[in-house]
Amino acid sequence: MRWSDLIDRIRQALDEPPPSLDEILILRRLDGTPLRPFTPPPGVQPRQSAALLLLFPRHNEWYFPLTVRSSRVTTHRGEVSLPGGGIDPIDNGATGAALREAHEEIGIDPGKVEVLGALTTFYIPPSNNYLTPVVGVYPEPFEPQHDPEEVDAVFTVPLAMLFDPAIRREEIWERNGMQMRVPFFALNGYKVWGATALLLSEFVARLRRVGWNGRGLTT
């Protein structure tokens, strides 16, 4: 797909209504009902945060980077996530925070990023974050340079891979005495679950709605 076609189709996708709960990967009870809240509980003041889903070209495909969180960070140690963090007063809202954090964590040049929009903001209970996933494109291939204080590793994934049903898996986990169904993307030897799986599956669902199957346009 041409660069301009990709950008146009992503803009269309981000303007679509949010996908249904059946289209996204979320934690569920054993009976299939959703387990996670999407908004903060009454009386809870969450930290406003942002993350960057960044697409860039490589080998005639579109890729995006994922980070493996450091064992030294406060929450979500060792989990796979997008670059991101809290929105600071100096940031220009979620977009500014997402670009700043991506620069700090993986070394992107924020001035080269074209921001196309955002996915649905949702609540992350373990860290009390209310996260806005920002979507942007980078015009050229790049090799991420990660900050070892926050990130143990960075790997890049072809966007088309997210459309492959073979990488969507599910396991039964037990946490705090409760059994739950945990869906995840199996990527580069990692189980990409939780908030990251949720937002990536939302992005895929939106792209499918506007006729993109991962490699080309179907409509």
Protein backbone atom coordinates (compact mmCIF):
# COMPACT_ATOMS: atom_id res chain seq x y z
CA MET A 1 0.00 0.00 0.00
CA ARG A 2 1.28 3.47 -0.84
CA TRP A 3 2.20 5.76 2.04
CA SER A 4 -0.54 8.25 1.17
CA ASP A 5 -3.16 5.47 0.97
CA LEU A 6 -2.13 4.16 4.37
CA ILE A 7 -2.43 7.58 5.96
CA ASP A 8 -5.83 8.25 4.40
CA ARG A 9 -7.16 4.87 5.47
CA ILE A 10 -5.90 5.25 9.04
CA ARG A 11 -7.54 8.66 9.32
CA GLN A 12 -10.81 7.10 8.17
CA ALA A 13 -10.41 4.26 10.66
CA LEU A 14 -9.81 6.61 13.57
CA ASP A 15 -13.00 8.49 12.70
CA GLU A 16 -15.04 5.29 12.96
CA PRO A 17 -17.10 4.56 16.11
CA PRO A 18 -15.27 2.40 18.68
CA PRO A 19 -15.36 -1.35 17.98
CA SER A 20 -17.63 -3.64 19.97
CA LEU A 21 -16.29 -5.60 22.93
CA ASP A 22 -16.40 -8.75 20.79
CA GLU A 23 -13.81 -7.25 18.42
CA ILE A 24 -11.10 -6.48 20.98
CA LEU A 25 -8.81 -8.52 23.20
CA ILE A 26 -9.78 -7.91 26.83
CA LEU A 27 -9.59 -9.88 30.05
CA ARG A 28 -12.76 -11.87 30.63
CA ARG A 29 -14.33 -14.02 33.28
CA LEU A 30 -14.62 -17.71 32.50
CA ASP A 31 -18.18 -17.13 31.30
CA GLY A 32 -16.91 -14.62 28.70
CA THR A 33 -18.10 -11.41 30.33
CA PRO A 34 -15.56 -8.53 30.34
CA LEU A 35 -13.49 -8.28 33.49
CA ARG A 36 -11.78 -4.90 33.19
CA PRO A 37 -13.33 -1.45 33.65
CA PHE A 38 -12.86 1.12 30.90
CA THR A 39 -13.31 4.21 33.08
CA PRO A 40 -12.01 5.01 36.58
CA PRO A 41 -14.21 4.01 39.52
CA PRO A 42 -16.21 6.80 41.21
CA GLY A 43 -14.03 8.92 43.45
CA VAL A 44 -10.75 7.75 41.89
CA GLN A 45 -8.51 10.39 40.32
CA PRO A 46 -6.38 8.63 37.67
CA ARG A 47 -3.12 9.79 36.17
CA GLN A 48 -3.68 11.07 32.64
CA SER A 49 -1.26 9.30 30.33
CA ALA A 50 -0.54 8.68 26.66
CA ALA A 51 1.23 6.17 24.44
CA LEU A 52 2.37 6.26 20.82
CA LEU A 53 1.48 3.65 18.21
CA LEU A 54 4.02 4.61 15.56
CA LEU A 55 4.00 3.16 12.03
CA PHE A 56 7.04 3.37 9.79
CA PRO A 57 8.09 1.79 6.45
CA ARG A 58 10.60 -1.03 6.14
CA HIS A 59 11.09 -3.62 3.37
CA ASN A 60 7.88 -2.48 1.64
CA GLU A 61 5.85 -3.18 4.78
CA TRP A 62 4.58 -1.09 7.67
CA TYR A 63 6.09 -1.75 11.09
CA PHE A 64 5.60 -0.47 14.62
CA PRO A 65 7.85 -0.67 17.71
CA LEU A 66 7.00 -2.30 21.03
CA THR A 67 9.00 -1.98 24.23
CA VAL A 68 9.72 -4.46 26.99
CA ARG A 69 9.39 -2.53 30.21
CA SER A 70 12.38 -2.45 32.52
CA SER A 71 12.47 -4.36 35.81
CA ARG A 72 13.30 -1.01 37.44
CA VAL A 73 10.03 0.77 36.67
CA THR A 74 7.26 1.02 39.26
CA THR A 75 4.49 -0.90 37.49
CA HIS A 76 4.06 -3.43 34.67
CA ARG A 77 7.66 -4.67 34.96
CA GLY A 78 8.73 -6.89 32.10
CA GLU A 79 5.50 -6.39 30.17
CA VAL A 80 5.31 -5.41 26.51
CA SER A 81 3.90 -1.97 25.82
CA LEU A 82 4.00 1.01 23.51
CA PRO A 83 6.31 3.89 24.42
CA GLY A 84 4.41 6.20 26.69
CA GLY A 85 3.86 7.64 30.15
CA GLY A 86 2.16 10.32 32.17
CA ILE A 87 1.05 13.64 30.69
CA ASP A 88 3.17 16.40 32.21
CA PRO A 89 2.17 20.08 32.50
CA ILE A 90 4.80 20.95 29.87
CA ASP A 91 3.20 18.60 27.32
CA ASN A 92 0.67 19.66 24.74
CA GLY A 93 -1.86 17.15 26.07
CA ALA A 94 -1.80 13.49 25.06
CA THR A 95 -0.07 14.13 21.74
CA GLY A 96 2.80 16.03 23.30
CA ALA A 97 3.25 13.42 26.01
CA ALA A 98 3.21 10.52 23.55
CA LEU A 99 5.85 12.17 21.34
CA ARG A 100 8.05 13.15 24.30
CA GLU A 101 7.93 9.69 25.84
CA ALA A 102 8.66 8.00 22.52
CA HIS A 103 11.67 10.27 22.07
CA GLU A 104 12.93 9.42 25.56
CA GLU A 105 12.26 5.69 25.37
CA ILE A 106 13.14 4.74 21.79
CA GLY A 107 14.88 7.79 20.33
CA ILE A 108 12.45 8.96 17.67
CA ASP A 109 12.61 12.48 16.26
CA PRO A 110 9.24 13.99 17.30
CA GLY A 111 9.47 16.55 14.50
CA LYS A 112 9.22 13.80 11.87
CA VAL A 113 6.06 12.21 13.28
CA GLU A 114 2.75 12.94 11.58
CA VAL A 115 0.04 12.44 14.18
CA LEU A 116 -3.16 11.04 12.66
CA GLY A 117 -5.46 10.80 15.66
CA ALA A 118 -6.10 8.61 18.68
CA LEU A 119 -7.75 5.39 19.75
CA THR A 120 -10.22 5.14 22.63
CA THR A 121 -9.01 6.40 26.01
CA PHE A 122 -9.33 3.69 28.66
CA TYR A 123 -8.51 3.00 32.30
CA ILE A 124 -5.63 0.75 33.48
CA PRO A 125 -6.41 -0.27 37.09
CA PRO A 126 -3.01 -1.65 38.27
CA SER A 127 -1.23 1.65 37.56
CA ASN A 128 -4.28 3.97 37.87
CA ASN A 129 -3.62 5.40 34.41
CA TYR A 130 -6.24 6.80 32.06
CA LEU A 131 -4.48 6.14 28.78
CA THR A 132 -4.92 7.82 25.40
CA PRO A 133 -3.22 5.83 22.58
CA VAL A 134 -2.01 8.30 19.95
CA VAL A 135 -1.44 7.03 16.39
CA GLY A 136 1.26 8.49 14.19
CA VAL A 137 3.44 7.70 11.18
CA TYR A 138 7.18 8.11 10.68
CA PRO A 139 8.34 8.77 7.10
CA GLU A 140 11.43 6.57 7.05
CA PRO A 141 12.93 3.39 8.52
CA PHE A 142 14.65 3.80 11.86
CA GLU A 143 16.43 1.67 14.45
CA PRO A 144 15.09 2.31 17.95
CA GLN A 145 17.62 3.35 20.59
CA HIS A 146 16.11 2.52 23.97
CA ASP A 147 16.63 4.06 27.39
CA PRO A 148 17.79 1.17 29.65
CA GLU A 149 16.34 2.81 32.74
CA GLU A 150 12.80 2.46 31.41
CA VAL A 151 13.10 -0.15 28.68
CA ASP A 152 14.90 -3.50 28.63
CA ALA A 153 14.43 -4.07 24.90
CA VAL A 154 12.63 -2.82 21.79
CA PHE A 155 11.39 -4.95 18.93
CA THR A 156 9.51 -4.06 15.78
CA VAL A 157 6.53 -5.91 14.33
CA PRO A 158 4.98 -5.86 10.84
CA LEU A 159 1.51 -4.36 11.13
CA ALA A 160 0.24 -7.11 8.82
CA MET A 161 1.11 -9.69 11.46
CA LEU A 162 -1.66 -8.41 13.74
CA PHE A 163 -4.20 -9.55 11.13
CA ASP A 164 -3.00 -13.17 11.31
CA PRO A 165 -5.45 -15.20 13.43
CA ALA A 166 -2.66 -17.65 14.29
CA ILE A 167 -0.98 -15.15 16.61
CA ARG A 168 -4.15 -14.54 18.64
CA ARG A 169 -4.08 -16.87 21.61
CA GLU A 170 -5.89 -17.27 24.90
CA GLU A 171 -4.96 -18.86 28.22
CA ILE A 172 -6.62 -19.31 31.59
CA TRP A 173 -4.68 -17.48 34.30
CA GLU A 174 -5.30 -17.23 38.02
CA ARG A 175 -4.74 -13.89 39.74
CA ASN A 176 -5.71 -12.95 43.28
CA GLY A 177 -7.61 -16.19 43.59
CA MET A 178 -9.66 -15.59 40.44
CA GLN A 179 -9.46 -17.52 37.21
CA MET A 180 -9.74 -15.45 34.05
CA ARG A 181 -9.48 -15.75 30.31
CA VAL A 182 -6.44 -13.82 29.06
CA PRO A 183 -6.25 -13.17 25.31
CA PHE A 184 -2.94 -12.05 23.85
CA PHE A 185 -0.92 -11.56 20.68
CA ALA A 186 2.02 -13.98 20.43
CA LEU A 187 4.76 -11.68 19.07
CA ASN A 188 8.52 -12.25 19.00
CA GLY A 189 8.30 -14.80 21.78
CA TYR A 190 6.30 -12.47 24.06
CA LYS A 191 2.72 -12.66 25.25
CA VAL A 192 1.36 -9.19 24.47
CA TRP A 193 -1.70 -8.91 26.70
CA GLY A 194 -3.58 -6.42 28.85
CA ALA A 195 -3.73 -2.78 27.81
CA THR A 196 -1.39 -3.27 24.85
CA ALA A 197 -3.44 -6.14 23.41
CA LEU A 198 -6.60 -4.11 23.91
CA LEU A 199 -5.43 -1.06 21.97
CA LEU A 200 -3.71 -3.06 19.21
CA SER A 201 -6.85 -5.13 18.65
CA GLU A 202 -8.93 -1.96 18.55
CA PHE A 203 -6.64 -0.57 15.86
CA VAL A 204 -6.96 -3.76 13.81
CA ALA A 205 -10.76 -3.74 14.19
CA ARG A 206 -10.93 -0.14 12.99
CA LEU A 207 -8.72 -0.86 9.97
CA ARG A 208 -10.87 -3.86 9.04
CA ARG A 209 -13.95 -1.63 9.08
CA VAL A 210 -12.46 0.61 6.42
CA GLY A 211 -11.38 -2.25 4.20
CA TRP A 212 -7.76 -2.87 5.08
CA ASN A 213 -6.65 -6.46 5.66
CA GLY A 214 -3.10 -5.79 6.79
CA ARG A 215 -1.42 -5.77 3.40
CA GLY A 216 -3.81 -4.00 1.09
CA LEU A 217 -7.21 -2.48 0.57
CA THR A 218 -10.18 -4.79 0.11
CA THR A 219 -12.71 -2.07 -0.66
